[in-house]
Protein backbone atom coordinates (compact mmCIF):
# COMPACT_ATOMS: atom_id res chain seq x y z
CA MET A 1 124.81 104.34 92.88
CA ALA A 2 122.13 104.84 95.54
CA LYS A 3 118.53 103.74 95.37
CA THR A 4 115.69 105.26 97.37
CA LEU A 5 112.69 103.42 98.74
CA GLY A 6 110.16 106.24 98.81
CA LEU A 7 109.10 109.65 97.62
CA HIS A 8 107.72 112.19 100.08
CA ILE A 9 105.97 115.32 98.77
CA LEU A 10 105.05 118.10 101.20
CA ALA A 11 102.98 121.03 99.95
CA ASP A 12 101.53 124.18 101.46
CA LEU A 13 98.61 125.43 99.36
CA TYR A 14 97.84 129.14 99.83
CA GLY A 15 94.82 131.06 98.61
CA VAL A 16 92.42 128.10 98.57
CA SER A 17 88.71 128.96 98.58
CA ASP A 18 87.43 128.37 102.09
CA HIS A 19 84.36 126.45 100.88
CA LEU A 20 86.67 123.78 99.38
CA ILE A 21 88.51 123.00 102.63
CA ASP A 22 86.13 123.79 105.50
CA ARG A 23 84.01 120.62 105.73
CA VAL A 24 85.28 117.17 106.56
CA GLU A 25 83.04 115.69 103.83
CA ASP A 26 84.86 117.71 101.18
CA ILE A 27 88.27 116.73 102.56
CA LYS A 28 87.24 113.07 102.56
CA ASP A 29 86.05 113.24 98.95
CA LEU A 30 89.28 115.00 97.95
CA LEU A 31 91.66 112.47 99.52
CA GLU A 32 89.66 109.40 98.49
CA SER A 33 89.54 110.67 94.88
CA ALA A 34 93.27 111.42 94.93
CA VAL A 35 94.00 107.85 96.03
CA ARG A 36 91.80 106.40 93.26
CA THR A 37 93.20 108.75 90.62
CA ALA A 38 96.79 107.88 91.51
CA GLY A 39 96.13 104.13 91.65
CA LEU A 40 97.19 103.85 95.28
CA THR A 41 96.05 101.13 97.70
CA LYS A 42 93.92 102.31 100.63
CA ILE A 43 94.13 100.37 103.89
CA SER A 44 92.14 102.67 106.20
CA SER A 45 91.30 106.31 106.79
CA HIS A 46 90.37 108.76 109.52
CA TYR A 47 88.89 112.27 109.30
CA PHE A 48 88.09 114.97 111.83
CA GLN A 49 86.00 118.18 111.68
CA PHE A 50 87.36 121.14 113.65
CA GLN A 51 85.05 123.79 115.15
CA PRO A 52 84.33 126.36 114.02
CA HIS A 53 86.39 125.79 110.85
CA GLY A 54 88.67 123.30 109.17
CA ALA A 55 89.22 119.61 108.83
CA THR A 56 91.99 117.07 108.80
CA GLY A 57 92.29 113.64 107.28
CA VAL A 58 94.72 110.82 106.72
CA ILE A 59 94.61 107.71 104.57
CA LEU A 60 96.90 104.84 105.44
CA LEU A 61 98.14 103.29 102.21
CA ALA A 62 99.87 100.03 101.46
CA GLU A 63 102.43 102.39 99.89
CA SER A 64 102.54 104.65 103.03
CA HIS A 65 100.13 107.59 103.60
CA ILE A 66 98.42 110.73 102.33
CA SER A 67 97.15 113.50 104.62
CA ILE A 68 95.74 117.03 104.72
CA HIS A 69 95.19 119.67 107.38
CA THR A 70 93.19 122.82 106.62
CA TRP A 71 92.78 126.37 107.85
CA PRO A 72 89.92 127.73 105.71
CA GLU A 73 89.95 131.03 107.60
CA HIS A 74 93.46 131.54 106.16
CA GLY A 75 92.86 129.84 102.80
CA LEU A 76 95.56 127.30 103.70
CA ALA A 77 95.81 123.55 103.24
CA THR A 78 98.92 121.51 104.05
CA VAL A 79 99.25 118.23 102.19
CA ASP A 80 101.56 115.26 102.69
CA VAL A 81 101.93 112.41 100.17
CA PHE A 82 104.45 109.65 100.94
CA THR A 83 104.69 106.54 98.81
CA CYS A 84 107.09 103.73 98.15
CA GLY A 85 107.16 102.01 94.78
CA ASP A 86 106.22 104.01 91.69
CA PRO A 87 107.04 107.70 92.38
CA ALA A 88 104.65 108.76 89.59
CA LYS A 89 101.75 107.74 91.84
CA ALA A 90 102.81 110.24 94.52
CA HIS A 91 103.01 112.98 91.90
CA ARG A 92 99.60 112.02 90.44
CA ALA A 93 97.97 112.19 93.88
CA MET A 94 99.51 115.57 94.68
CA ASP A 95 98.71 116.95 91.21
CA TYR A 96 95.08 115.89 91.61
CA ILE A 97 94.80 117.68 94.97
CA VAL A 98 96.42 120.87 93.66
CA GLN A 99 94.26 120.90 90.51
CA THR A 100 91.10 120.33 92.55
CA LEU A 101 91.81 122.98 95.20
CA ARG A 102 93.16 125.58 92.72
CA PRO A 103 95.41 127.46 95.17
CA GLU A 104 96.83 130.86 94.28
CA ARG A 105 100.29 129.69 95.36
CA VAL A 106 101.95 126.35 96.08
CA GLU A 107 105.12 125.75 98.08
CA LYS A 108 106.18 122.16 97.44
CA ARG A 109 109.14 120.13 98.63
CA VAL A 110 110.02 116.69 97.31
CA HIS A 111 112.22 114.35 99.34
CA GLN A 112 113.73 111.01 98.43
CA ARG A 113 113.37 108.73 101.45
CA GLY A 114 115.22 105.59 102.52
CA GLU A 115 118.42 105.86 100.54
CA LEU A 116 120.14 102.50 100.09
CA ARG A 117 123.78 102.38 99.16
CA GLU A 118 124.78 99.89 96.45
CA ARG A 119 125.79 97.24 99.01
CA GLN A 120 122.48 97.57 100.91
CA SER A 121 120.61 97.39 97.62
CA GLU A 122 122.44 94.16 96.68
CA GLU A 123 121.74 92.68 100.14
CA LEU A 124 118.06 93.57 99.87
CA ARG A 125 117.85 92.06 96.38
CA SER A 126 119.41 88.80 97.61
CA ILE A 127 116.94 88.61 100.52
CA VAL A 128 113.99 89.15 98.18
CA LEU A 129 115.27 86.58 95.66
CA SER A 130 115.83 83.93 98.34
CA ALA A 131 112.36 84.35 99.85
């Protein structure tokens, strides 16, 4: 039986109102709220305003990262949530973003990351227990 170390959710949100994804301040509020809502642990963040439209942002998490890149002129936001630990937190963060942005269509892919085979899992457990 294999165990995975992380959950990676990638989503393309189509038909998002441009006023929700044009300004860096709105993107910052969105990501910071998603982190709080999901119970994730923020380490640092960085945001950038594009001209004439759009913004991007990333939050480095103890669990990994969450990011967004927007094209308001196309009503598009691409979102990336990668966490290790409780996979429900990744889903909560993504669900918050989707509910807040209210896209007309969502294309989402979910990937299990860092698959450990049973032997690797046993080795990892013994290292953790001996520490």
